[in-house]
Amino acid sequence: MATDQLECIEIETASPVSHSVIWLHGLGASGDDFVPVVPELGVPSDLGVRFIFPHAPVRPITINNGMAMRGWYDITSLNFDEREQDVAGTQASAAAVNQLIEQEIGRGIPAGNIVLAGFSQGGAVALYAGLTSQHRTAGILALSTYLPLVDQVFVDMKNRPDADDDRTTLPIFFAHGTHDDVIRLQYAEESKDALMGAGFNVEFSTWPMPHSVIPEEITAMGEWFRTQWGK
């Protein structure tokens, strides 16, 4: 995937805008997917938050018989223990997210006021981008997902130009369904353990749900967002 600017949907809750959320959808969805969640998050009426919902590029997805659909990287199997990960695709999508971070900084939003969020495949890219970006964002919200490229993500994190920044203090909200049959809970727990083993303090929650989002989880997400916004 080329790192051309992604097409996005934008929603601003108030003016002036002081904070941004870059929210990545899952495989086969689009930026429209999480737009309906915004009114449910309880954004304070006096806080201007720009929600940015990028559309992933359309690409062939191996696990779906090569069918072209919106995806942040290719997936060859749901068996995480055996499949070959799409390193180039993941890194290219992270680079595209970094372009959006740069865009927001150029619009006057400090990196420390930008949250990266994502569901499923989008959550994997949000985690990778948030750990390896040269900009330290406000935090990462990772829903029904996993940490990709575990063997190298921490190496890439340490090789950042600003490696003196202690990225392990980055707030991470990690939530998963106990009945998820797309990305098994085991893989989320292994990702959480890898992050905590690297020194991160992960807020990890499970919910009785499949590969989806439920109202109780959205309430918890809103509380976490307001904490990052100082509200």
C-alpha atoms as a PDB file:
ATOM      1  CA  MET A   1       0.000   0.000   0.000  1.00  0.00           C
ATOM      2  CA  ALA A   2       1.340   3.395  -0.878  1.00  0.00           C
ATOM      3  CA  THR A   3       1.316   5.984   1.872  1.00  0.00           C
ATOM      4  CA  ASP A   4      -0.946   8.365  -0.023  1.00  0.00           C
ATOM      5  CA  GLN A   5      -3.246  10.337   2.245  1.00  0.00           C
ATOM      6  CA  LEU A   6      -6.141   8.160   3.365  1.00  0.00           C
ATOM      7  CA  GLU A   7      -9.704   9.238   2.656  1.00  0.00           C
ATOM      8  CA  CYS A   8     -11.450   9.948   5.954  1.00  0.00           C
ATOM      9  CA  ILE A   9     -14.738  10.855   7.580  1.00  0.00           C
ATOM     10  CA  GLU A  10     -14.384  13.649  10.146  1.00  0.00           C
ATOM     11  CA  ILE A  11     -16.707  14.631  12.994  1.00  0.00           C
ATOM     12  CA  GLU A  12     -16.026  17.593  15.282  1.00  0.00           C
ATOM     13  CA  THR A  13     -17.918  17.700  18.578  1.00  0.00           C
ATOM     14  CA  ALA A  14     -17.372  21.420  19.302  1.00  0.00           C
ATOM     15  CA  SER A  15     -15.241  24.385  18.308  1.00  0.00           C
ATOM     16  CA  PRO A  16     -12.407  25.076  18.738  1.00  0.00           C
ATOM     17  CA  VAL A  17     -10.953  21.598  18.318  1.00  0.00           C
ATOM     18  CA  SER A  18      -8.262  20.779  20.872  1.00  0.00           C
ATOM     19  CA  HIS A  19      -8.100  16.964  20.681  1.00  0.00           C
ATOM     20  CA  SER A  20      -8.220  14.319  17.948  1.00  0.00           C
ATOM     21  CA  VAL A  21      -9.068  10.625  17.772  1.00  0.00           C
ATOM     22  CA  ILE A  22      -7.884   8.595  14.765  1.00  0.00           C
ATOM     23  CA  TRP A  23     -10.108   5.497  14.686  1.00  0.00           C
ATOM     24  CA  LEU A  24      -9.383   2.539  12.385  1.00  0.00           C
ATOM     25  CA  HIS A  25     -12.081   0.085  11.303  1.00  0.00           C
ATOM     26  CA  GLY A  26     -11.845  -3.682  10.957  1.00  0.00           C
ATOM     27  CA  LEU A  27     -11.363  -5.857   7.894  1.00  0.00           C
ATOM     28  CA  GLY A  28     -14.026  -5.421   5.223  1.00  0.00           C
ATOM     29  CA  ALA A  29     -15.676  -2.470   6.969  1.00  0.00           C
ATOM     30  CA  SER A  30     -15.118   1.238   6.311  1.00  0.00           C
ATOM     31  CA  GLY A  31     -14.620   4.482   8.141  1.00  0.00           C
ATOM     32  CA  ASP A  32     -18.394   4.694   8.593  1.00  0.00           C
ATOM     33  CA  ASP A  33     -18.340   1.722  10.966  1.00  0.00           C
ATOM     34  CA  PHE A  34     -17.720   3.530  14.260  1.00  0.00           C
ATOM     35  CA  VAL A  35     -19.278   6.901  13.425  1.00  0.00           C
ATOM     36  CA  PRO A  36     -22.486   5.989  15.366  1.00  0.00           C
ATOM     37  CA  VAL A  37     -20.413   5.395  18.518  1.00  0.00           C
ATOM     38  CA  VAL A  38     -19.348   9.049  18.862  1.00  0.00           C
ATOM     39  CA  PRO A  39     -22.611  10.313  20.448  1.00  0.00           C
ATOM     40  CA  GLU A  40     -22.469   7.419  22.938  1.00  0.00           C
ATOM     41  CA  LEU A  41     -19.033   8.307  24.341  1.00  0.00           C
ATOM     42  CA  GLY A  42     -20.169  11.191  26.500  1.00  0.00           C
ATOM     43  CA  VAL A  43     -17.799  13.774  25.049  1.00  0.00           C
ATOM     44  CA  PRO A  44     -18.112  16.894  27.259  1.00  0.00           C
ATOM     45  CA  SER A  45     -20.113  19.597  25.492  1.00  0.00           C
ATOM     46  CA  ASP A  46     -17.343  22.132  26.018  1.00  0.00           C
ATOM     47  CA  LEU A  47     -14.601  19.934  24.503  1.00  0.00           C
ATOM     48  CA  GLY A  48     -13.776  20.088  20.816  1.00  0.00           C
ATOM     49  CA  VAL A  49     -12.733  16.617  19.665  1.00  0.00           C
ATOM     50  CA  ARG A  50     -12.118  15.795  16.014  1.00  0.00           C
ATOM     51  CA  PHE A  51     -12.907  12.126  15.314  1.00  0.00           C
ATOM     52  CA  ILE A  52     -11.145  10.927  12.174  1.00  0.00           C
ATOM     53  CA  PHE A  53     -12.340   7.667  10.611  1.00  0.00           C
ATOM     54  CA  PRO A  54     -10.045   6.647   7.733  1.00  0.00           C
ATOM     55  CA  HIS A  55     -11.100   4.225   5.010  1.00  0.00           C
ATOM     56  CA  ALA A  56      -8.546   1.447   4.546  1.00  0.00           C
ATOM     57  CA  PRO A  57      -7.417   0.835   0.948  1.00  0.00           C
ATOM     58  CA  VAL A  58      -9.114  -1.925  -1.047  1.00  0.00           C
ATOM     59  CA  ARG A  59      -6.804  -4.933  -1.377  1.00  0.00           C
ATOM     60  CA  PRO A  60      -7.023  -8.702  -2.022  1.00  0.00           C
ATOM     61  CA  ILE A  61      -7.382 -10.671   1.228  1.00  0.00           C
ATOM     62  CA  THR A  62      -5.981 -14.198   1.064  1.00  0.00           C
ATOM     63  CA  ILE A  63      -8.224 -15.716   3.753  1.00  0.00           C
ATOM     64  CA  ASN A  64     -11.271 -14.545   1.794  1.00  0.00           C
ATOM     65  CA  ASN A  65     -10.172 -16.316  -1.395  1.00  0.00           C
ATOM     66  CA  GLY A  66      -8.358 -13.247  -2.624  1.00  0.00           C
ATOM     67  CA  MET A  67     -11.504 -11.141  -2.680  1.00  0.00           C
ATOM     68  CA  ALA A  68     -10.749  -7.426  -2.731  1.00  0.00           C
ATOM     69  CA  MET A  69     -12.055  -5.463   0.251  1.00  0.00           C
ATOM     70  CA  ARG A  70     -10.977  -2.712   2.581  1.00  0.00           C
ATOM     71  CA  GLY A  71      -8.124  -3.954   4.740  1.00  0.00           C
ATOM     72  CA  TRP A  72      -5.088  -2.582   6.517  1.00  0.00           C
ATOM     73  CA  TYR A  73      -2.969  -5.622   5.591  1.00  0.00           C
ATOM     74  CA  ASP A  74      -3.369  -9.123   4.187  1.00  0.00           C
ATOM     75  CA  ILE A  75      -4.448 -12.057   6.362  1.00  0.00           C
ATOM     76  CA  THR A  76      -3.581 -15.587   5.316  1.00  0.00           C
ATOM     77  CA  SER A  77      -5.117 -17.544   8.216  1.00  0.00           C
ATOM     78  CA  LEU A  78      -6.978 -17.149  11.510  1.00  0.00           C
ATOM     79  CA  ASN A  79      -4.465 -19.541  13.068  1.00  0.00           C
ATOM     80  CA  PHE A  80      -2.075 -17.047  14.626  1.00  0.00           C
ATOM     81  CA  ASP A  81       0.392 -19.772  15.558  1.00  0.00           C
ATOM     82  CA  GLU A  82       1.031 -20.802  11.955  1.00  0.00           C
ATOM     83  CA  ARG A  83       0.246 -17.890   9.648  1.00  0.00           C
ATOM     84  CA  GLU A  84       2.795 -15.616   8.045  1.00  0.00           C
ATOM     85  CA  GLN A  85       2.163 -11.999   9.008  1.00  0.00           C
ATOM     86  CA  ASP A  86       2.000  -9.237   6.422  1.00  0.00           C
ATOM     87  CA  VAL A  87       4.910  -7.150   7.673  1.00  0.00           C
ATOM     88  CA  ALA A  88       5.000  -4.760   4.717  1.00  0.00           C
ATOM     89  CA  GLY A  89       1.245  -4.175   4.788  1.00  0.00           C
ATOM     90  CA  THR A  90       1.183  -3.526   8.529  1.00  0.00           C
ATOM     91  CA  GLN A  91       4.099  -1.109   8.361  1.00  0.00           C
ATOM     92  CA  ALA A  92       2.639   0.717   5.354  1.00  0.00           C
ATOM     93  CA  SER A  93      -0.670   1.197   7.152  1.00  0.00           C
ATOM     94  CA  ALA A  94       1.163   2.436  10.243  1.00  0.00           C
ATOM     95  CA  ALA A  95       2.989   4.929   8.007  1.00  0.00           C
ATOM     96  CA  ALA A  96      -0.378   6.130   6.665  1.00  0.00           C
ATOM     97  CA  VAL A  97      -1.617   6.593  10.237  1.00  0.00           C
ATOM     98  CA  ASN A  98       1.517   8.579  10.982  1.00  0.00           C
ATOM     99  CA  GLN A  99       0.634  10.857   8.088  1.00  0.00           C
ATOM    100  CA  LEU A 100      -2.707  11.522   9.782  1.00  0.00           C
ATOM    101  CA  ILE A 101      -0.907  12.279  13.044  1.00  0.00           C
ATOM    102  CA  GLU A 102       1.314  14.725  11.180  1.00  0.00           C
ATOM    103  CA  GLN A 103      -1.763  16.263   9.583  1.00  0.00           C
ATOM    104  CA  GLU A 104      -3.365  16.842  12.984  1.00  0.00           C
ATOM    105  CA  ILE A 105      -0.175  18.349  14.366  1.00  0.00           C
ATOM    106  CA  GLY A 106      -0.167  20.663  11.357  1.00  0.00           C
ATOM    107  CA  ARG A 107      -3.731  21.669  12.227  1.00  0.00           C
ATOM    108  CA  GLY A 108      -2.618  22.740  15.686  1.00  0.00           C
ATOM    109  CA  ILE A 109      -3.356  19.592  17.710  1.00  0.00           C
ATOM    110  CA  PRO A 110      -0.402  18.536  19.901  1.00  0.00           C
ATOM    111  CA  ALA A 111       0.614  14.887  19.541  1.00  0.00           C
ATOM    112  CA  GLY A 112      -0.156  14.497  23.247  1.00  0.00           C
ATOM    113  CA  ASN A 113      -3.806  15.315  22.487  1.00  0.00           C
ATOM    114  CA  ILE A 114      -4.199  12.629  19.800  1.00  0.00           C
ATOM    115  CA  VAL A 115      -5.566   9.162  20.605  1.00  0.00           C
ATOM    116  CA  LEU A 116      -5.176   6.213  18.241  1.00  0.00           C
ATOM    117  CA  ALA A 117      -8.086   3.773  18.294  1.00  0.00           C
ATOM    118  CA  GLY A 118      -9.032   0.704  16.326  1.00  0.00           C
ATOM    119  CA  PHE A 119     -11.155  -2.411  16.146  1.00  0.00           C
ATOM    120  CA  SER A 120      -9.829  -5.838  15.116  1.00  0.00           C
ATOM    121  CA  GLN A 121      -7.335  -5.363  12.268  1.00  0.00           C
ATOM    122  CA  GLY A 122      -7.582  -1.607  12.790  1.00  0.00           C
ATOM    123  CA  GLY A 123      -6.717  -2.079  16.443  1.00  0.00           C
ATOM    124  CA  ALA A 124      -3.618  -4.042  15.492  1.00  0.00           C
ATOM    125  CA  VAL A 125      -2.432  -1.152  13.306  1.00  0.00           C
ATOM    126  CA  ALA A 126      -3.285   1.369  16.033  1.00  0.00           C
ATOM    127  CA  LEU A 127      -1.123  -0.587  18.478  1.00  0.00           C
ATOM    128  CA  TYR A 128       1.792  -0.926  16.078  1.00  0.00           C
ATOM    129  CA  ALA A 129       1.622   2.719  14.986  1.00  0.00           C
ATOM    130  CA  GLY A 130       1.253   4.012  18.522  1.00  0.00           C
ATOM    131  CA  LEU A 131       4.278   2.074  19.741  1.00  0.00           C
ATOM    132  CA  THR A 132       6.572   2.889  16.831  1.00  0.00           C
ATOM    133  CA  SER A 133       5.563   6.409  15.758  1.00  0.00           C
ATOM    134  CA  GLN A 134       8.071   9.184  16.268  1.00  0.00           C
ATOM    135  CA  HIS A 135       5.246  11.084  17.998  1.00  0.00           C
ATOM    136  CA  ARG A 136       4.065  10.075  21.458  1.00  0.00           C
ATOM    137  CA  THR A 137       0.277  10.255  21.343  1.00  0.00           C
ATOM    138  CA  ALA A 138      -2.169  10.487  24.252  1.00  0.00           C
ATOM    139  CA  GLY A 139      -2.910   6.770  24.242  1.00  0.00           C
ATOM    140  CA  ILE A 140      -4.158   3.740  22.322  1.00  0.00           C
ATOM    141  CA  LEU A 141      -7.632   2.203  22.407  1.00  0.00           C
ATOM    142  CA  ALA A 142      -7.461  -1.386  21.104  1.00  0.00           C
ATOM    143  CA  LEU A 143     -10.731  -3.302  20.655  1.00  0.00           C
ATOM    144  CA  SER A 144     -11.077  -7.022  19.888  1.00  0.00           C
ATOM    145  CA  THR A 145      -7.557  -7.167  18.546  1.00  0.00           C
ATOM    146  CA  TYR A 146      -3.963  -8.254  19.117  1.00  0.00           C
ATOM    147  CA  LEU A 147      -0.425  -6.906  18.962  1.00  0.00           C
ATOM    148  CA  PRO A 148       1.012  -7.610  15.498  1.00  0.00           C
ATOM    149  CA  LEU A 149       4.645  -8.340  14.635  1.00  0.00           C
ATOM    150  CA  VAL A 150       5.449  -9.143  18.271  1.00  0.00           C
ATOM    151  CA  ASP A 151       8.966 -10.325  17.390  1.00  0.00           C
ATOM    152  CA  GLN A 152       9.957  -6.905  16.074  1.00  0.00           C
ATOM    153  CA  VAL A 153       7.536  -4.258  17.351  1.00  0.00           C
ATOM    154  CA  PHE A 154       9.580  -3.579  20.482  1.00  0.00           C
ATOM    155  CA  VAL A 155      12.767  -3.411  18.407  1.00  0.00           C
ATOM    156  CA  ASP A 156      11.082  -0.899  16.083  1.00  0.00           C
ATOM    157  CA  MET A 157       9.883   1.030  19.140  1.00  0.00           C
ATOM    158  CA  LYS A 158      13.427   1.323  20.493  1.00  0.00           C
ATOM    159  CA  ASN A 159      14.783   2.323  17.075  1.00  0.00           C
ATOM    160  CA  ARG A 160      12.563   5.410  16.819  1.00  0.00           C
ATOM    161  CA  PRO A 161      14.363   8.735  16.269  1.00  0.00           C
ATOM    162  CA  ASP A 162      13.062   9.892  19.672  1.00  0.00           C
ATOM    163  CA  ALA A 163      13.851   6.664  21.511  1.00  0.00           C
ATOM    164  CA  ASP A 164      14.575   8.614  24.703  1.00  0.00           C
ATOM    165  CA  ASP A 165      10.800   9.009  25.042  1.00  0.00           C
ATOM    166  CA  ASP A 166       9.607   6.283  27.426  1.00  0.00           C
ATOM    167  CA  ARG A 167       6.808   4.807  25.334  1.00  0.00           C
ATOM    168  CA  THR A 168       5.947   2.302  28.111  1.00  0.00           C
ATOM    169  CA  THR A 169       4.059   5.063  29.963  1.00  0.00           C
ATOM    170  CA  LEU A 170       1.574   5.299  27.084  1.00  0.00           C
ATOM    171  CA  PRO A 171      -1.987   4.584  28.317  1.00  0.00           C
ATOM    172  CA  ILE A 172      -3.466   1.528  26.593  1.00  0.00           C
ATOM    173  CA  PHE A 173      -7.113   0.469  26.818  1.00  0.00           C
ATOM    174  CA  PHE A 174      -7.343  -3.136  25.598  1.00  0.00           C
ATOM    175  CA  ALA A 175     -10.766  -4.827  25.469  1.00  0.00           C
ATOM    176  CA  HIS A 176     -11.862  -8.191  24.097  1.00  0.00           C
ATOM    177  CA  GLY A 177     -14.869 -10.495  23.934  1.00  0.00           C
ATOM    178  CA  THR A 178     -14.823 -13.792  25.791  1.00  0.00           C
ATOM    179  CA  HIS A 179     -16.868 -15.353  22.954  1.00  0.00           C
ATOM    180  CA  ASP A 180     -14.784 -13.955  20.094  1.00  0.00           C
ATOM    181  CA  ASP A 181     -14.434 -16.675  17.438  1.00  0.00           C
ATOM    182  CA  VAL A 182     -12.530 -14.455  14.958  1.00  0.00           C
ATOM    183  CA  ILE A 183      -9.638 -13.371  17.168  1.00  0.00           C
ATOM    184  CA  ARG A 184      -9.641 -15.754  20.107  1.00  0.00           C
ATOM    185  CA  LEU A 185      -9.302 -14.312  23.594  1.00  0.00           C
ATOM    186  CA  GLN A 186      -6.067 -16.282  23.942  1.00  0.00           C
ATOM    187  CA  TYR A 187      -4.369 -14.067  21.353  1.00  0.00           C
ATOM    188  CA  ALA A 188      -5.493 -10.859  23.065  1.00  0.00           C
ATOM    189  CA  GLU A 189      -4.222 -12.162  26.394  1.00  0.00           C
ATOM    190  CA  GLU A 190      -0.889 -13.126  24.843  1.00  0.00           C
ATOM    191  CA  SER A 191      -0.612  -9.619  23.404  1.00  0.00           C
ATOM    192  CA  LYS A 192      -1.462  -8.073  26.779  1.00  0.00           C
ATOM    193  CA  ASP A 193       1.170 -10.261  28.442  1.00  0.00           C
ATOM    194  CA  ALA A 194       3.777  -9.232  25.845  1.00  0.00           C
ATOM    195  CA  LEU A 195       3.021  -5.558  26.448  1.00  0.00           C
ATOM    196  CA  MET A 196       3.107  -5.891  30.213  1.00  0.00           C
ATOM    197  CA  GLY A 197       6.295  -7.936  29.977  1.00  0.00           C
ATOM    198  CA  ALA A 198       7.829  -4.988  28.107  1.00  0.00           C
ATOM    199  CA  GLY A 199       6.861  -2.648  30.925  1.00  0.00           C
ATOM    200  CA  PHE A 200       3.513  -1.292  29.737  1.00  0.00           C
ATOM    201  CA  ASN A 201       0.645  -0.772  32.166  1.00  0.00           C
ATOM    202  CA  VAL A 202      -2.285  -2.102  30.133  1.00  0.00           C
ATOM    203  CA  GLU A 203      -5.910  -1.578  31.154  1.00  0.00           C
ATOM    204  CA  PHE A 204      -7.287  -4.936  29.991  1.00  0.00           C
ATOM    205  CA  SER A 205     -10.993  -5.790  30.111  1.00  0.00           C
ATOM    206  CA  THR A 206     -13.096  -8.661  28.823  1.00  0.00           C
ATOM    207  CA  TRP A 207     -16.778  -8.603  27.974  1.00  0.00           C
ATOM    208  CA  PRO A 208     -19.286 -11.428  27.305  1.00  0.00           C
ATOM    209  CA  MET A 209     -19.533 -10.763  23.579  1.00  0.00           C
ATOM    210  CA  PRO A 210     -18.418 -12.153  20.213  1.00  0.00           C
ATOM    211  CA  HIS A 211     -16.240 -10.168  17.751  1.00  0.00           C
ATOM    212  CA  SER A 212     -18.192  -6.962  18.280  1.00  0.00           C
ATOM    213  CA  VAL A 213     -18.796  -4.008  20.575  1.00  0.00           C
ATOM    214  CA  ILE A 214     -21.495  -3.793  23.251  1.00  0.00           C
ATOM    215  CA  PRO A 215     -23.011  -0.801  25.130  1.00  0.00           C
ATOM    216  CA  GLU A 216     -21.236  -1.592  28.402  1.00  0.00           C
ATOM    217  CA  GLU A 217     -17.911  -1.557  26.590  1.00  0.00           C
ATOM    218  CA  ILE A 218     -18.738   1.774  24.943  1.00  0.00           C
ATOM    219  CA  THR A 219     -19.490   3.229  28.395  1.00  0.00           C
ATOM    220  CA  ALA A 220     -16.066   2.051  29.614  1.00  0.00           C
ATOM    221  CA  MET A 221     -14.438   3.491  26.480  1.00  0.00           C
ATOM    222  CA  GLY A 222     -16.076   6.858  27.150  1.00  0.00           C
ATOM    223  CA  GLU A 223     -14.762   6.884  30.704  1.00  0.00           C
ATOM    224  CA  TRP A 224     -11.263   6.072  29.449  1.00  0.00           C
ATOM    225  CA  PHE A 225     -11.416   8.808  26.804  1.00  0.00           C
ATOM    226  CA  ARG A 226     -12.530  11.393  29.368  1.00  0.00           C
ATOM    227  CA  THR A 227      -9.600  10.414  31.576  1.00  0.00           C
ATOM    228  CA  GLN A 228      -7.178  11.040  28.701  1.00  0.00           C
ATOM    229  CA  TRP A 229      -8.937  14.354  28.007  1.00  0.00           C
ATOM    230  CA  GLY A 230      -8.664  15.405  31.650  1.00  0.00           C
ATOM    231  CA  LYS A 231     -12.459  15.425  31.994  1.00  0.00           C
END
